[in-house]
């Protein structure tokens, strides 16, 4: 039966952030095949979690280094294609040093794994190419850094937009059923119903 698994990986000092980043790596699938979302920091730990299953695809919610840097090595190890929005190509290049190496993760694209469908939903704001992955059959959405318990992800960079982040949350995520579980790129999970009443508070505070 299809399920969602999480492992937490850590590493990679960032002068503009915490000394150690802890990232959620999400696997969607069953005992035979999986899709891996945002493999981060530790190739060996991600491969160990896959545990000989077929990796249908590697999906990146956005191009920030802590989500994408090891993706080329991980994907080569498990023999799977990488998908990322082309709008985050510049971040991919910064993180990996590569000018290509992924297929475009288009808004509305679907991926089949273990009898369930993952549906890509563009949620720009945190980065231009931020993309959520909705698993309707599992009542869940994998949001990367677009939404956390307590509000949207950071928009402090010149390429980010708080207004776009709010619009993405309001128009694309908060239209999901309130019982939908929200699995972010860092920290604990929440639900659409728990977060949606607070949208006006986030707008008022401006972050």
N, C-alpha and C. Protein backbone atom coordinates (compact mmCIF):
# COMPACT_ATOMS: atom_id res chain seq x y z
N UNK A 1 0.85 -1.21 0.00
CA UNK A 1 0.00 0.00 0.00
C UNK A 1 0.88 1.25 0.00
N UNK A 2 0.48 2.21 -0.78
CA UNK A 2 1.26 3.45 -0.87
C UNK A 2 1.25 4.21 0.45
N UNK A 3 2.35 4.85 0.73
CA UNK A 3 2.51 5.61 1.97
C UNK A 3 3.52 6.73 1.74
N UNK A 4 3.63 7.61 2.72
CA UNK A 4 4.63 8.68 2.69
C UNK A 4 5.61 8.44 3.83
N UNK A 5 6.89 8.44 3.51
CA UNK A 5 7.94 8.24 4.51
C UNK A 5 8.78 9.51 4.60
N UNK A 6 9.32 9.75 5.79
CA UNK A 6 10.22 10.89 5.99
C UNK A 6 11.52 10.44 6.61
N UNK A 7 12.62 10.98 6.10
CA UNK A 7 13.87 10.93 6.83
C UNK A 7 14.38 12.35 6.97
N UNK A 8 15.15 12.60 8.00
CA UNK A 8 15.72 13.92 8.26
C UNK A 8 17.22 13.82 8.07
N UNK A 9 17.74 14.66 7.19
CA UNK A 9 19.18 14.71 6.96
C UNK A 9 19.71 16.08 7.34
N UNK A 10 21.00 16.16 7.59
CA UNK A 10 21.58 17.42 8.06
C UNK A 10 22.96 17.62 7.48
N UNK A 11 23.35 18.90 7.35
CA UNK A 11 24.69 19.21 6.91
C UNK A 11 24.79 20.53 6.19
N UNK A 12 26.00 20.80 5.67
CA UNK A 12 26.25 21.94 4.77
C UNK A 12 26.06 23.30 5.42
N UNK A 13 27.15 23.85 5.93
CA UNK A 13 27.12 25.17 6.54
C UNK A 13 26.70 26.23 5.53
N UNK A 14 25.84 27.10 5.96
CA UNK A 14 25.38 28.22 5.13
C UNK A 14 25.63 29.51 5.88
N UNK A 15 26.53 30.39 5.40
CA UNK A 15 26.83 31.63 6.13
C UNK A 15 25.62 32.51 6.38
N UNK A 16 24.56 32.37 5.56
CA UNK A 16 23.38 33.21 5.73
C UNK A 16 22.26 32.53 6.50
N UNK A 17 22.53 31.35 7.01
CA UNK A 17 21.49 30.61 7.71
C UNK A 17 22.04 29.90 8.92
N UNK A 18 21.29 28.94 9.45
CA UNK A 18 21.76 28.20 10.63
C UNK A 18 23.02 27.42 10.30
N UNK A 19 23.89 27.19 11.31
CA UNK A 19 25.13 26.45 11.05
C UNK A 19 24.91 25.08 10.45
N UNK A 20 23.83 24.42 10.83
CA UNK A 20 23.49 23.13 10.25
C UNK A 20 22.04 23.18 9.79
N UNK A 21 21.82 22.81 8.56
CA UNK A 21 20.46 22.71 8.04
C UNK A 21 19.95 21.29 8.23
N UNK A 22 18.76 21.16 8.77
CA UNK A 22 18.08 19.87 8.80
C UNK A 22 16.94 19.92 7.80
N UNK A 23 16.92 18.94 6.93
CA UNK A 23 15.92 18.89 5.87
C UNK A 23 15.09 17.62 5.96
N UNK A 24 13.82 17.75 5.61
CA UNK A 24 12.97 16.58 5.43
C UNK A 24 13.14 16.05 4.01
N UNK A 25 13.38 14.77 3.91
CA UNK A 25 13.39 14.08 2.62
C UNK A 25 12.16 13.18 2.61
N UNK A 26 11.33 13.32 1.60
CA UNK A 26 10.06 12.59 1.54
C UNK A 26 10.11 11.52 0.46
N UNK A 27 9.60 10.34 0.79
CA UNK A 27 9.46 9.25 -0.17
C UNK A 27 7.99 8.88 -0.25
N UNK A 28 7.47 8.80 -1.45
CA UNK A 28 6.09 8.41 -1.69
C UNK A 28 6.10 7.12 -2.49
N UNK A 29 5.47 6.08 -1.97
CA UNK A 29 5.44 4.83 -2.71
C UNK A 29 5.10 3.67 -1.81
N UNK A 30 5.56 2.48 -2.22
CA UNK A 30 5.28 1.27 -1.45
C UNK A 30 6.57 0.47 -1.31
N UNK A 31 6.46 -0.84 -1.15
CA UNK A 31 7.65 -1.66 -0.96
C UNK A 31 8.39 -1.97 -2.25
N UNK A 32 7.83 -1.57 -3.40
CA UNK A 32 8.44 -1.86 -4.69
C UNK A 32 9.03 -0.64 -5.37
N UNK A 33 8.33 0.50 -5.26
CA UNK A 33 8.78 1.68 -5.99
C UNK A 33 8.43 2.95 -5.21
N UNK A 34 9.23 3.98 -5.43
CA UNK A 34 9.04 5.24 -4.73
C UNK A 34 9.38 6.40 -5.64
N UNK A 35 8.83 7.55 -5.30
CA UNK A 35 9.30 8.84 -5.78
C UNK A 35 9.98 9.52 -4.59
N UNK A 36 11.14 10.09 -4.83
CA UNK A 36 11.89 10.77 -3.77
C UNK A 36 11.79 12.27 -4.00
N UNK A 37 11.37 12.97 -2.96
CA UNK A 37 11.18 14.42 -3.03
C UNK A 37 12.25 15.10 -2.18
N UNK A 38 13.03 15.96 -2.80
CA UNK A 38 14.04 16.78 -2.13
C UNK A 38 15.09 15.97 -1.37
N UNK A 39 15.80 15.06 -2.03
CA UNK A 39 16.91 14.40 -1.33
C UNK A 39 17.94 15.46 -0.93
N UNK A 40 18.36 15.43 0.32
CA UNK A 40 19.18 16.53 0.84
C UNK A 40 20.38 16.01 1.62
N UNK A 41 21.51 16.66 1.44
CA UNK A 41 22.70 16.57 2.27
C UNK A 41 23.45 15.24 2.21
N UNK A 42 22.76 14.11 2.35
CA UNK A 42 23.40 12.84 2.63
C UNK A 42 22.93 11.79 1.61
N UNK A 43 23.73 11.58 0.57
CA UNK A 43 23.35 10.62 -0.47
C UNK A 43 23.16 9.23 0.12
N UNK A 44 24.09 8.80 0.97
CA UNK A 44 24.02 7.45 1.50
C UNK A 44 22.75 7.23 2.33
N UNK A 45 22.38 8.20 3.13
CA UNK A 45 21.17 8.05 3.94
C UNK A 45 19.93 7.96 3.07
N UNK A 46 19.89 8.73 1.99
CA UNK A 46 18.75 8.69 1.09
C UNK A 46 18.68 7.35 0.35
N UNK A 47 19.84 6.87 -0.09
CA UNK A 47 19.88 5.58 -0.78
C UNK A 47 19.48 4.46 0.18
N UNK A 48 19.93 4.54 1.42
CA UNK A 48 19.57 3.53 2.41
C UNK A 48 18.06 3.48 2.63
N UNK A 49 17.41 4.65 2.66
CA UNK A 49 15.97 4.69 2.86
C UNK A 49 15.23 4.10 1.65
N UNK A 50 15.76 4.32 0.47
CA UNK A 50 15.15 3.72 -0.73
C UNK A 50 15.17 2.19 -0.63
N UNK A 51 16.28 1.64 -0.15
CA UNK A 51 16.38 0.21 0.17
C UNK A 51 16.03 -0.69 -1.02
N UNK A 52 16.72 -0.46 -2.12
CA UNK A 52 16.62 -1.31 -3.31
C UNK A 52 15.31 -1.16 -4.08
N UNK A 53 14.45 -0.29 -3.66
CA UNK A 53 13.22 -0.06 -4.43
C UNK A 53 13.54 0.72 -5.70
N UNK A 54 12.68 0.57 -6.69
CA UNK A 54 12.79 1.36 -7.91
C UNK A 54 12.44 2.81 -7.59
N UNK A 55 13.29 3.73 -8.01
CA UNK A 55 12.99 5.16 -7.87
C UNK A 55 12.44 5.65 -9.20
N UNK A 56 11.17 5.96 -9.21
CA UNK A 56 10.50 6.38 -10.44
C UNK A 56 10.98 7.76 -10.88
N UNK A 57 11.16 8.66 -9.92
CA UNK A 57 11.59 10.03 -10.23
C UNK A 57 12.11 10.69 -8.97
N UNK A 58 12.95 11.69 -9.17
CA UNK A 58 13.40 12.58 -8.10
C UNK A 58 12.77 13.94 -8.38
N UNK A 59 11.91 14.39 -7.48
CA UNK A 59 11.20 15.66 -7.67
C UNK A 59 11.73 16.68 -6.68
N UNK A 60 12.09 17.86 -7.17
CA UNK A 60 12.60 18.94 -6.34
C UNK A 60 11.55 20.03 -6.23
N UNK A 61 11.19 20.37 -5.00
CA UNK A 61 10.18 21.42 -4.80
C UNK A 61 10.71 22.80 -5.15
N UNK A 62 12.01 22.99 -5.06
CA UNK A 62 12.62 24.25 -5.50
C UNK A 62 14.13 24.07 -5.57
N UNK A 63 14.82 25.11 -6.03
CA UNK A 63 16.22 24.96 -6.36
C UNK A 63 17.22 25.32 -5.29
N UNK A 64 16.80 25.72 -4.09
CA UNK A 64 17.76 26.09 -3.06
C UNK A 64 18.76 24.96 -2.80
N UNK A 65 19.99 25.35 -2.47
CA UNK A 65 21.09 24.41 -2.38
C UNK A 65 20.81 23.25 -1.44
N UNK A 66 20.11 23.52 -0.32
CA UNK A 66 19.90 22.46 0.65
C UNK A 66 18.85 21.45 0.18
N UNK A 67 18.15 21.74 -0.89
CA UNK A 67 17.20 20.81 -1.49
C UNK A 67 17.74 20.16 -2.77
N UNK A 68 18.69 20.81 -3.42
CA UNK A 68 19.08 20.35 -4.76
C UNK A 68 20.53 19.92 -4.92
N UNK A 69 21.41 20.29 -3.99
CA UNK A 69 22.85 20.13 -4.26
C UNK A 69 23.24 18.68 -4.52
N UNK A 70 22.70 17.72 -3.76
CA UNK A 70 23.11 16.33 -3.96
C UNK A 70 22.23 15.60 -4.97
N UNK A 71 21.24 16.29 -5.52
CA UNK A 71 20.30 15.61 -6.42
C UNK A 71 20.99 14.94 -7.60
N UNK A 72 21.97 15.56 -8.26
CA UNK A 72 22.60 14.87 -9.39
C UNK A 72 23.27 13.56 -8.98
N UNK A 73 23.99 13.58 -7.86
CA UNK A 73 24.67 12.36 -7.41
C UNK A 73 23.66 11.30 -6.97
N UNK A 74 22.65 11.72 -6.23
CA UNK A 74 21.65 10.76 -5.78
C UNK A 74 20.92 10.14 -6.97
N UNK A 75 20.50 10.98 -7.91
CA UNK A 75 19.76 10.49 -9.07
C UNK A 75 20.60 9.52 -9.90
N UNK A 76 21.89 9.82 -10.04
CA UNK A 76 22.77 8.92 -10.78
C UNK A 76 22.91 7.59 -10.06
N UNK A 77 22.94 7.63 -8.74
CA UNK A 77 23.10 6.41 -7.96
C UNK A 77 21.88 5.50 -8.08
N UNK A 78 20.69 6.11 -8.09
CA UNK A 78 19.45 5.29 -8.13
C UNK A 78 18.87 5.19 -9.54
N UNK A 79 19.56 5.80 -10.53
CA UNK A 79 19.18 5.70 -11.94
C UNK A 79 17.76 6.24 -12.18
N UNK A 80 17.54 7.48 -11.74
CA UNK A 80 16.22 8.09 -11.89
C UNK A 80 16.37 9.51 -12.44
N UNK A 81 15.36 10.00 -13.16
CA UNK A 81 15.39 11.37 -13.67
C UNK A 81 15.05 12.38 -12.58
N UNK A 82 15.61 13.57 -12.72
CA UNK A 82 15.34 14.68 -11.80
C UNK A 82 14.40 15.67 -12.47
N UNK A 83 13.43 16.16 -11.71
CA UNK A 83 12.50 17.17 -12.20
C UNK A 83 12.54 18.39 -11.28
N UNK A 84 12.60 19.58 -11.90
CA UNK A 84 12.63 20.86 -11.18
C UNK A 84 12.06 21.92 -12.11
N UNK A 85 11.36 22.88 -11.56
CA UNK A 85 10.87 23.98 -12.40
C UNK A 85 12.02 24.72 -13.05
N UNK A 86 11.89 24.99 -14.34
CA UNK A 86 12.92 25.74 -15.05
C UNK A 86 13.10 27.15 -14.50
N UNK A 87 12.11 27.66 -13.79
CA UNK A 87 12.23 29.01 -13.21
C UNK A 87 13.30 29.05 -12.12
N UNK A 88 13.70 27.89 -11.60
CA UNK A 88 14.75 27.84 -10.59
C UNK A 88 16.08 27.35 -11.16
N UNK A 89 16.23 27.42 -12.47
CA UNK A 89 17.48 27.00 -13.09
C UNK A 89 18.68 27.74 -12.50
N UNK A 90 18.54 29.03 -12.25
CA UNK A 90 19.67 29.81 -11.74
C UNK A 90 20.10 29.32 -10.36
N UNK A 91 19.16 28.85 -9.55
CA UNK A 91 19.50 28.31 -8.24
C UNK A 91 20.15 26.93 -8.37
N UNK A 92 19.66 26.13 -9.30
CA UNK A 92 20.27 24.84 -9.58
C UNK A 92 21.72 25.02 -10.01
N UNK A 93 21.96 25.99 -10.88
CA UNK A 93 23.33 26.23 -11.35
C UNK A 93 24.23 26.64 -10.19
N UNK A 94 23.73 27.50 -9.30
CA UNK A 94 24.51 27.91 -8.14
C UNK A 94 24.81 26.73 -7.22
N UNK A 95 23.81 25.87 -7.03
CA UNK A 95 23.94 24.77 -6.07
C UNK A 95 24.79 23.63 -6.59
N UNK A 96 24.63 23.31 -7.88
CA UNK A 96 25.26 22.11 -8.42
C UNK A 96 26.44 22.38 -9.34
N UNK A 97 26.55 23.62 -9.84
CA UNK A 97 27.57 23.93 -10.82
C UNK A 97 27.26 23.41 -12.20
N UNK A 98 26.02 22.95 -12.41
CA UNK A 98 25.62 22.40 -13.70
C UNK A 98 24.62 23.32 -14.38
N UNK A 99 24.73 23.39 -15.71
CA UNK A 99 23.81 24.23 -16.48
C UNK A 99 22.55 23.48 -16.91
N UNK A 100 22.53 22.18 -16.65
CA UNK A 100 21.36 21.37 -16.99
C UNK A 100 21.37 20.15 -16.08
N UNK A 101 20.67 19.10 -16.49
CA UNK A 101 20.68 17.89 -15.69
C UNK A 101 19.34 17.54 -15.08
N UNK A 102 18.31 18.32 -15.42
CA UNK A 102 16.98 18.00 -14.93
C UNK A 102 15.96 18.25 -16.02
N UNK A 103 14.79 17.64 -15.87
CA UNK A 103 13.65 17.90 -16.74
C UNK A 103 12.73 18.90 -16.07
N UNK A 104 12.00 19.64 -16.86
CA UNK A 104 11.13 20.69 -16.33
C UNK A 104 9.96 20.10 -15.56
N UNK A 105 9.78 20.57 -14.33
CA UNK A 105 8.64 20.19 -13.51
C UNK A 105 7.54 21.22 -13.75
N UNK A 106 6.64 20.89 -14.65
CA UNK A 106 5.62 21.84 -15.09
C UNK A 106 4.42 21.83 -14.15
N UNK A 107 3.80 22.99 -14.02
CA UNK A 107 2.55 23.10 -13.27
C UNK A 107 1.53 22.16 -13.89
N UNK A 108 0.93 21.30 -13.07
CA UNK A 108 -0.06 20.35 -13.56
C UNK A 108 0.50 19.00 -13.96
N UNK A 109 1.81 18.86 -13.99
CA UNK A 109 2.40 17.56 -14.33
C UNK A 109 2.00 16.51 -13.30
N UNK A 110 1.86 15.28 -13.74
CA UNK A 110 1.49 14.20 -12.83
C UNK A 110 2.52 13.07 -12.92
N UNK A 111 2.67 12.39 -11.81
CA UNK A 111 3.61 11.29 -11.69
C UNK A 111 2.91 10.14 -10.98
N UNK A 112 3.03 8.95 -11.54
CA UNK A 112 2.37 7.78 -10.97
C UNK A 112 3.40 6.94 -10.21
N UNK A 113 3.01 6.52 -9.01
CA UNK A 113 3.88 5.64 -8.23
C UNK A 113 3.00 4.81 -7.30
N UNK A 114 3.22 3.51 -7.31
CA UNK A 114 2.54 2.60 -6.39
C UNK A 114 1.02 2.79 -6.39
N UNK A 115 0.46 3.09 -7.56
CA UNK A 115 -0.98 3.23 -7.69
C UNK A 115 -1.55 4.55 -7.27
N UNK A 116 -0.70 5.53 -6.92
CA UNK A 116 -1.19 6.86 -6.58
C UNK A 116 -0.56 7.89 -7.51
N UNK A 117 -1.16 9.05 -7.57
CA UNK A 117 -0.70 10.13 -8.44
C UNK A 117 -0.19 11.29 -7.60
N UNK A 118 0.97 11.80 -7.97
CA UNK A 118 1.47 13.06 -7.44
C UNK A 118 1.25 14.13 -8.49
N UNK A 119 0.63 15.23 -8.09
CA UNK A 119 0.28 16.32 -9.01
C UNK A 119 1.07 17.57 -8.64
N UNK A 120 1.80 18.11 -9.62
CA UNK A 120 2.61 19.30 -9.38
C UNK A 120 1.74 20.56 -9.43
N UNK A 121 1.93 21.42 -8.42
CA UNK A 121 1.19 22.68 -8.34
C UNK A 121 2.19 23.80 -8.11
N UNK A 122 2.28 24.73 -9.06
CA UNK A 122 3.21 25.85 -8.93
C UNK A 122 2.79 26.75 -7.78
N UNK A 123 3.74 27.03 -6.89
CA UNK A 123 3.48 27.90 -5.73
C UNK A 123 4.62 28.91 -5.59
N UNK A 124 4.81 29.78 -6.58
CA UNK A 124 5.93 30.72 -6.53
C UNK A 124 5.82 31.67 -5.34
N UNK A 125 6.98 32.16 -4.94
CA UNK A 125 7.06 33.10 -3.82
C UNK A 125 8.36 32.93 -3.08
N UNK A 126 8.54 31.80 -2.42
CA UNK A 126 9.82 31.49 -1.76
C UNK A 126 10.94 31.51 -2.79
N UNK A 127 10.71 30.84 -3.90
CA UNK A 127 11.54 30.97 -5.11
C UNK A 127 10.58 31.07 -6.29
N UNK A 128 11.07 31.53 -7.44
CA UNK A 128 10.17 31.64 -8.60
C UNK A 128 9.58 30.31 -9.04
N UNK A 129 10.35 29.23 -8.86
CA UNK A 129 9.90 27.94 -9.34
C UNK A 129 9.37 27.00 -8.27
N UNK A 130 9.09 27.52 -7.09
CA UNK A 130 8.60 26.65 -6.01
C UNK A 130 7.37 25.87 -6.47
N UNK A 131 7.36 24.58 -6.15
CA UNK A 131 6.31 23.68 -6.62
C UNK A 131 5.90 22.76 -5.49
N UNK A 132 4.59 22.64 -5.25
CA UNK A 132 4.06 21.68 -4.30
C UNK A 132 3.64 20.42 -5.04
N UNK A 133 3.59 19.32 -4.31
CA UNK A 133 3.24 18.03 -4.90
C UNK A 133 2.08 17.46 -4.10
N UNK A 134 0.93 17.37 -4.75
CA UNK A 134 -0.30 16.94 -4.09
C UNK A 134 -0.53 15.47 -4.33
N UNK A 135 -0.74 14.72 -3.24
CA UNK A 135 -1.11 13.31 -3.31
C UNK A 135 -2.54 13.21 -2.79
N UNK A 136 -3.51 13.41 -3.68
CA UNK A 136 -4.91 13.44 -3.26
C UNK A 136 -5.32 12.15 -2.57
N UNK A 137 -4.89 11.02 -3.11
CA UNK A 137 -5.30 9.73 -2.56
C UNK A 137 -4.75 9.50 -1.16
N UNK A 138 -3.66 10.17 -0.82
CA UNK A 138 -3.06 10.03 0.50
C UNK A 138 -3.41 11.19 1.42
N UNK A 139 -4.21 12.14 0.91
CA UNK A 139 -4.62 13.28 1.72
C UNK A 139 -3.47 14.14 2.17
N UNK A 140 -2.50 14.37 1.27
CA UNK A 140 -1.29 15.07 1.67
C UNK A 140 -0.76 15.95 0.55
N UNK A 141 0.02 16.95 0.95
CA UNK A 141 0.73 17.80 0.00
C UNK A 141 2.13 18.04 0.53
N UNK A 142 3.11 17.86 -0.34
CA UNK A 142 4.52 18.11 -0.03
C UNK A 142 4.85 19.49 -0.56
N UNK A 143 5.17 20.43 0.33
CA UNK A 143 5.19 21.84 -0.05
C UNK A 143 6.58 22.45 -0.12
N UNK A 144 7.64 21.68 0.15
CA UNK A 144 8.95 22.31 0.19
C UNK A 144 8.99 23.39 1.25
N UNK A 145 9.43 24.60 0.87
CA UNK A 145 9.49 25.71 1.81
C UNK A 145 8.41 26.76 1.54
N UNK A 146 7.36 26.37 0.83
CA UNK A 146 6.28 27.32 0.52
C UNK A 146 5.41 27.62 1.73
N UNK A 147 5.25 26.64 2.62
CA UNK A 147 4.36 26.81 3.78
C UNK A 147 4.87 25.95 4.92
N UNK A 148 4.87 26.56 6.10
CA UNK A 148 5.25 25.88 7.34
C UNK A 148 4.15 26.08 8.38
N UNK A 149 4.17 25.31 9.47
CA UNK A 149 3.29 25.66 10.58
C UNK A 149 3.59 27.10 11.03
N UNK A 150 2.62 27.98 10.88
CA UNK A 150 2.83 29.37 11.28
C UNK A 150 3.09 30.34 10.16
N UNK A 151 3.10 29.88 8.91
CA UNK A 151 3.23 30.86 7.84
C UNK A 151 4.07 30.43 6.68
N UNK A 152 4.26 31.34 5.72
CA UNK A 152 5.02 31.04 4.50
C UNK A 152 6.51 30.96 4.78
N UNK A 153 7.22 30.33 3.85
CA UNK A 153 8.67 30.30 3.93
C UNK A 153 9.27 31.67 3.66
N UNK A 154 10.57 31.80 3.92
CA UNK A 154 11.26 33.08 3.82
C UNK A 154 11.19 33.66 2.42
N UNK A 155 11.09 34.97 2.36
CA UNK A 155 11.10 35.68 1.07
C UNK A 155 12.07 36.85 1.13
N UNK A 156 13.24 36.62 1.73
CA UNK A 156 14.20 37.71 1.96
C UNK A 156 15.12 37.99 0.77
N UNK A 157 15.07 37.14 -0.25
CA UNK A 157 15.98 37.30 -1.37
C UNK A 157 15.35 38.19 -2.44
N UNK A 158 16.19 38.79 -3.28
CA UNK A 158 15.67 39.70 -4.30
C UNK A 158 14.80 38.99 -5.34
N UNK A 159 14.99 37.70 -5.49
CA UNK A 159 14.17 36.94 -6.44
C UNK A 159 12.89 36.39 -5.81
N UNK A 160 12.72 36.60 -4.50
CA UNK A 160 11.53 36.10 -3.81
C UNK A 160 10.45 37.17 -3.78
N UNK A 161 9.24 36.76 -3.40
CA UNK A 161 8.12 37.69 -3.32
C UNK A 161 7.15 37.23 -2.24
N UNK A 162 7.00 38.05 -1.20
CA UNK A 162 6.03 37.73 -0.16
C UNK A 162 4.61 37.75 -0.72
N UNK A 163 4.31 38.74 -1.57
CA UNK A 163 2.97 38.81 -2.16
C UNK A 163 2.66 37.55 -2.98
N UNK A 164 3.65 37.08 -3.75
CA UNK A 164 3.44 35.87 -4.53
C UNK A 164 3.28 34.66 -3.62
N UNK A 165 4.04 34.63 -2.54
CA UNK A 165 3.94 33.51 -1.61
C UNK A 165 2.54 33.45 -1.00
N UNK A 166 2.02 34.59 -0.60
CA UNK A 166 0.67 34.63 -0.02
C UNK A 166 -0.37 34.22 -1.06
N UNK A 167 -0.23 34.71 -2.27
CA UNK A 167 -1.18 34.34 -3.32
C UNK A 167 -1.14 32.85 -3.60
N UNK A 168 0.05 32.27 -3.61
CA UNK A 168 0.18 30.84 -3.85
C UNK A 168 -0.50 30.03 -2.75
N UNK A 169 -0.28 30.45 -1.52
CA UNK A 169 -0.90 29.75 -0.39
C UNK A 169 -2.42 29.89 -0.44
N UNK A 170 -2.88 31.10 -0.65
CA UNK A 170 -4.33 31.36 -0.65
C UNK A 170 -5.04 30.67 -1.81
N UNK A 171 -4.48 30.81 -2.99
CA UNK A 171 -5.20 30.38 -4.20
C UNK A 171 -4.91 28.95 -4.61
N UNK A 172 -3.79 28.38 -4.15
CA UNK A 172 -3.41 27.07 -4.65
C UNK A 172 -3.36 26.01 -3.53
N UNK A 173 -2.91 26.40 -2.34
CA UNK A 173 -2.83 25.42 -1.26
C UNK A 173 -4.08 25.41 -0.40
N UNK A 174 -4.60 26.58 -0.06
CA UNK A 174 -5.76 26.62 0.82
C UNK A 174 -7.06 26.23 0.13
N UNK A 175 -6.98 25.91 -1.15
CA UNK A 175 -8.14 25.34 -1.84
C UNK A 175 -8.21 23.82 -1.67
N UNK A 176 -7.17 23.23 -1.09
CA UNK A 176 -7.19 21.80 -0.81
C UNK A 176 -8.10 21.52 0.39
N UNK A 177 -8.58 20.31 0.54
CA UNK A 177 -9.44 19.99 1.69
C UNK A 177 -8.74 20.31 3.01
N UNK A 178 -9.48 20.79 3.99
CA UNK A 178 -8.86 21.22 5.25
C UNK A 178 -8.13 20.10 5.98
N UNK A 179 -8.53 18.87 5.76
CA UNK A 179 -7.87 17.75 6.44
C UNK A 179 -6.56 17.33 5.76
N UNK A 180 -6.21 17.97 4.66
CA UNK A 180 -4.98 17.63 3.95
C UNK A 180 -3.77 17.88 4.84
N UNK A 181 -2.91 16.87 4.96
CA UNK A 181 -1.68 17.01 5.73
C UNK A 181 -0.64 17.75 4.89
N UNK A 182 0.00 18.74 5.50
CA UNK A 182 1.03 19.55 4.85
C UNK A 182 2.39 19.10 5.35
N UNK A 183 3.21 18.58 4.44
CA UNK A 183 4.55 18.11 4.78
C UNK A 183 5.58 19.09 4.23
N UNK A 184 6.21 19.89 5.07
CA UNK A 184 7.17 20.89 4.59
C UNK A 184 8.59 20.34 4.45
N UNK A 185 9.47 21.20 3.97
CA UNK A 185 10.85 20.80 3.75
C UNK A 185 11.70 20.78 5.00
N UNK A 186 11.22 21.38 6.07
CA UNK A 186 11.94 21.41 7.34
C UNK A 186 10.91 21.33 8.47
N UNK A 187 11.25 20.66 9.54
CA UNK A 187 10.40 20.66 10.72
C UNK A 187 9.17 19.78 10.60
N UNK A 188 8.21 20.06 11.48
CA UNK A 188 7.03 19.22 11.59
C UNK A 188 5.96 19.54 10.57
N UNK A 189 5.01 18.62 10.46
CA UNK A 189 3.90 18.76 9.52
C UNK A 189 2.72 19.46 10.19
N UNK A 190 1.77 19.85 9.36
CA UNK A 190 0.57 20.52 9.85
C UNK A 190 -0.58 20.12 8.92
N UNK A 191 -1.67 20.85 8.95
CA UNK A 191 -2.78 20.60 8.03
C UNK A 191 -3.23 21.91 7.42
N UNK A 192 -3.91 21.80 6.29
CA UNK A 192 -4.49 22.99 5.66
C UNK A 192 -5.47 23.65 6.62
N UNK A 193 -6.29 22.86 7.29
CA UNK A 193 -7.29 23.42 8.20
C UNK A 193 -6.69 24.14 9.39
N UNK A 194 -5.52 23.69 9.85
CA UNK A 194 -4.87 24.35 10.99
C UNK A 194 -4.26 25.68 10.60
N UNK A 195 -3.82 25.81 9.35
CA UNK A 195 -3.10 27.02 8.94
C UNK A 195 -4.00 28.07 8.29
N UNK A 196 -5.03 27.66 7.58
CA UNK A 196 -5.80 28.61 6.78
C UNK A 196 -6.47 29.73 7.58
N UNK A 197 -6.88 29.54 8.83
CA UNK A 197 -7.49 30.66 9.55
C UNK A 197 -6.52 31.81 9.84
N UNK A 198 -5.22 31.59 9.65
CA UNK A 198 -4.22 32.58 10.05
C UNK A 198 -3.68 33.42 8.90
N UNK A 199 -4.25 33.26 7.72
CA UNK A 199 -3.71 33.96 6.55
C UNK A 199 -3.67 35.47 6.76
N UNK A 200 -4.73 36.05 7.26
CA UNK A 200 -4.76 37.51 7.45
C UNK A 200 -3.70 37.96 8.45
N UNK A 201 -3.41 37.14 9.45
CA UNK A 201 -2.36 37.49 10.42
C UNK A 201 -1.01 37.57 9.72
N UNK A 202 -0.74 36.61 8.85
CA UNK A 202 0.54 36.61 8.14
C UNK A 202 0.66 37.82 7.23
N UNK A 203 -0.43 38.16 6.56
CA UNK A 203 -0.42 39.33 5.69
C UNK A 203 -0.15 40.60 6.51
N UNK A 204 -0.77 40.71 7.66
CA UNK A 204 -0.61 41.90 8.50
C UNK A 204 0.81 42.04 9.02
N UNK A 205 1.44 40.93 9.38
CA UNK A 205 2.80 41.01 9.92
C UNK A 205 3.83 41.18 8.81
N UNK A 206 3.51 40.74 7.59
CA UNK A 206 4.38 40.96 6.43
C UNK A 206 5.46 39.93 6.23
N UNK A 207 5.31 38.79 6.87
CA UNK A 207 6.28 37.71 6.64
C UNK A 207 5.66 36.37 7.05
